[in-house]
C-alpha cells in the first residue's frame, strides 16, 4: 500500500501557481479558512474565472461530490510529497 504524505507549500508558492501545476486526479488537502477537505482529487482550474474544481469525500459511501471554489475561498493547499523524497531526507 502506498502512503500519501502531505506538506504545505504556502510560503514558497501562491495558490494560483500550485493549481496551474496540478494535473487531473492529483490529491490535495484544500483549506477553506477553518474547514479542510482532505484528499480531494483535483479536477480543473479555470484561470479566467479564478475557480478550481475538486472531487471531495471520494472514500465515503455515496461520496464523490464535485465542488468548485473561487480562489478567494481557498486559503491553502497541501500537496502530496512522494515517498521517495521523504526517504531521501533521512539519509
C-alpha atoms as a PDB file:
ATOM      1  CA  UNK A   1       0.000   0.000   0.000  1.00  0.00           C
ATOM      2  CA  UNK A   2       1.375   3.405  -0.972  1.00  0.00           C
ATOM      3  CA  UNK A   3       1.453   6.184   1.635  1.00  0.00           C
ATOM      4  CA  UNK A   4       0.449   9.746   0.838  1.00  0.00           C
ATOM      5  CA  UNK A   5       2.288  12.350   2.896  1.00  0.00           C
ATOM      6  CA  UNK A   6       1.257  15.982   2.834  1.00  0.00           C
ATOM      7  CA  UNK A   7       3.254  19.153   3.242  1.00  0.00           C
ATOM      8  CA  UNK A   8       2.336  22.805   2.921  1.00  0.00           C
ATOM      9  CA  UNK A   9       3.947  24.845   0.125  1.00  0.00           C
ATOM     10  CA  UNK A  10       2.198  28.029   1.165  1.00  0.00           C
ATOM     11  CA  UNK A  11       5.278  30.161   1.838  1.00  0.00           C
ATOM     12  CA  UNK A  12       7.134  29.366  -1.385  1.00  0.00           C
ATOM     13  CA  UNK A  13       4.342  29.419  -3.977  1.00  0.00           C
ATOM     14  CA  UNK A  14       0.994  31.092  -4.267  1.00  0.00           C
ATOM     15  CA  UNK A  15      -2.240  29.210  -4.778  1.00  0.00           C
ATOM     16  CA  UNK A  16      -2.551  30.101  -8.475  1.00  0.00           C
ATOM     17  CA  UNK A  17       0.874  28.621  -9.211  1.00  0.00           C
ATOM     18  CA  UNK A  18       0.039  25.458  -7.306  1.00  0.00           C
ATOM     19  CA  UNK A  19      -3.245  24.999  -9.132  1.00  0.00           C
ATOM     20  CA  UNK A  20      -1.601  25.573 -12.504  1.00  0.00           C
ATOM     21  CA  UNK A  21       0.912  22.839 -11.692  1.00  0.00           C
ATOM     22  CA  UNK A  22      -1.660  20.190 -10.785  1.00  0.00           C
ATOM     23  CA  UNK A  23      -2.953  17.540 -13.143  1.00  0.00           C
ATOM     24  CA  UNK A  24      -6.406  15.994 -13.041  1.00  0.00           C
ATOM     25  CA  UNK A  25      -6.626  13.405 -10.275  1.00  0.00           C
ATOM     26  CA  UNK A  26      -3.831  14.849  -8.118  1.00  0.00           C
ATOM     27  CA  UNK A  27      -4.659  14.528  -4.438  1.00  0.00           C
ATOM     28  CA  UNK A  28      -4.570  17.667  -2.284  1.00  0.00           C
ATOM     29  CA  UNK A  29      -5.841  18.971   1.038  1.00  0.00           C
ATOM     30  CA  UNK A  30      -7.904  22.086   0.302  1.00  0.00           C
ATOM     31  CA  UNK A  31      -8.082  24.657   3.108  1.00  0.00           C
ATOM     32  CA  UNK A  32     -11.078  26.994   3.182  1.00  0.00           C
ATOM     33  CA  UNK A  33     -10.477  29.058   6.298  1.00  0.00           C
ATOM     34  CA  UNK A  34     -11.048  26.684   9.215  1.00  0.00           C
ATOM     35  CA  UNK A  35     -12.566  23.957   7.015  1.00  0.00           C
ATOM     36  CA  UNK A  36     -10.305  21.429   5.291  1.00  0.00           C
ATOM     37  CA  UNK A  37     -11.255  18.964   2.549  1.00  0.00           C
ATOM     38  CA  UNK A  38      -8.744  16.142   2.959  1.00  0.00           C
ATOM     39  CA  UNK A  39      -7.543  14.078  -0.007  1.00  0.00           C
ATOM     40  CA  UNK A  40      -9.621  15.964  -2.556  1.00  0.00           C
ATOM     41  CA  UNK A  41      -8.993  14.946  -6.166  1.00  0.00           C
ATOM     42  CA  UNK A  42      -8.106  17.916  -8.368  1.00  0.00           C
ATOM     43  CA  UNK A  43     -10.390  18.176 -11.387  1.00  0.00           C
ATOM     44  CA  UNK A  44      -9.685  21.518 -13.097  1.00  0.00           C
ATOM     45  CA  UNK A  45      -8.536  25.111 -12.744  1.00  0.00           C
ATOM     46  CA  UNK A  46     -10.092  27.994 -14.689  1.00  0.00           C
ATOM     47  CA  UNK A  47      -7.697  30.942 -14.613  1.00  0.00           C
ATOM     48  CA  UNK A  48     -10.234  33.281 -16.284  1.00  0.00           C
ATOM     49  CA  UNK A  49     -12.931  32.684 -13.655  1.00  0.00           C
ATOM     50  CA  UNK A  50     -10.341  32.050 -10.936  1.00  0.00           C
ATOM     51  CA  UNK A  51     -12.131  28.871  -9.882  1.00  0.00           C
ATOM     52  CA  UNK A  52     -10.884  25.390  -9.113  1.00  0.00           C
ATOM     53  CA  UNK A  53     -12.905  22.168  -9.136  1.00  0.00           C
ATOM     54  CA  UNK A  54     -12.257  19.182  -6.876  1.00  0.00           C
ATOM     55  CA  UNK A  55     -13.928  15.879  -6.101  1.00  0.00           C
ATOM     56  CA  UNK A  56     -14.375  15.609  -2.335  1.00  0.00           C
ATOM     57  CA  UNK A  57     -15.490  12.822   0.012  1.00  0.00           C
ATOM     58  CA  UNK A  58     -14.467  10.162  -2.503  1.00  0.00           C
ATOM     59  CA  UNK A  59     -13.971   7.474   0.123  1.00  0.00           C
ATOM     60  CA  UNK A  60     -17.422   7.665   1.710  1.00  0.00           C
ATOM     61  CA  UNK A  61     -20.321   5.523   0.564  1.00  0.00           C
ATOM     62  CA  UNK A  62     -22.234   7.645  -1.975  1.00  0.00           C
ATOM     63  CA  UNK A  63     -19.280  10.043  -1.937  1.00  0.00           C
ATOM     64  CA  UNK A  64     -17.503  11.759  -4.767  1.00  0.00           C
ATOM     65  CA  UNK A  65     -19.118  15.196  -4.826  1.00  0.00           C
ATOM     66  CA  UNK A  66     -17.787  17.635  -7.438  1.00  0.00           C
ATOM     67  CA  UNK A  67     -17.324  21.094  -5.897  1.00  0.00           C
ATOM     68  CA  UNK A  68     -15.985  24.361  -7.277  1.00  0.00           C
ATOM     69  CA  UNK A  69     -14.285  27.008  -5.172  1.00  0.00           C
ATOM     70  CA  UNK A  70     -13.329  30.559  -6.075  1.00  0.00           C
ATOM     71  CA  UNK A  71      -9.692  31.371  -5.347  1.00  0.00           C
ATOM     72  CA  UNK A  72     -10.829  33.882  -2.717  1.00  0.00           C
ATOM     73  CA  UNK A  73     -12.232  30.939  -0.722  1.00  0.00           C
ATOM     74  CA  UNK A  74      -9.058  28.834  -0.828  1.00  0.00           C
ATOM     75  CA  UNK A  75      -6.700  29.766   1.992  1.00  0.00           C
ATOM     76  CA  UNK A  76      -4.198  26.984   1.415  1.00  0.00           C
ATOM     77  CA  UNK A  77      -3.327  23.825  -0.497  1.00  0.00           C
ATOM     78  CA  UNK A  78      -1.242  20.938   0.737  1.00  0.00           C
ATOM     79  CA  UNK A  79       0.291  18.845  -1.985  1.00  0.00           C
ATOM     80  CA  UNK A  80       1.417  15.230  -1.642  1.00  0.00           C
ATOM     81  CA  UNK A  81       5.131  14.641  -1.221  1.00  0.00           C
ATOM     82  CA  UNK A  82       6.421  11.453  -2.821  1.00  0.00           C
ATOM     83  CA  UNK A  83       7.550   8.651  -0.555  1.00  0.00           C
ATOM     84  CA  UNK A  84      10.942   8.630  -2.310  1.00  0.00           C
ATOM     85  CA  UNK A  85      11.559  12.267  -1.344  1.00  0.00           C
ATOM     86  CA  UNK A  86      10.752  11.510   2.298  1.00  0.00           C
ATOM     87  CA  UNK A  87      13.162   8.565   2.390  1.00  0.00           C
ATOM     88  CA  UNK A  88      15.932  10.784   0.977  1.00  0.00           C
ATOM     89  CA  UNK A  89      15.512  13.305   3.807  1.00  0.00           C
ATOM     90  CA  UNK A  90      16.696  10.810   6.422  1.00  0.00           C
ATOM     91  CA  UNK A  91      19.883   9.958   4.586  1.00  0.00           C
END
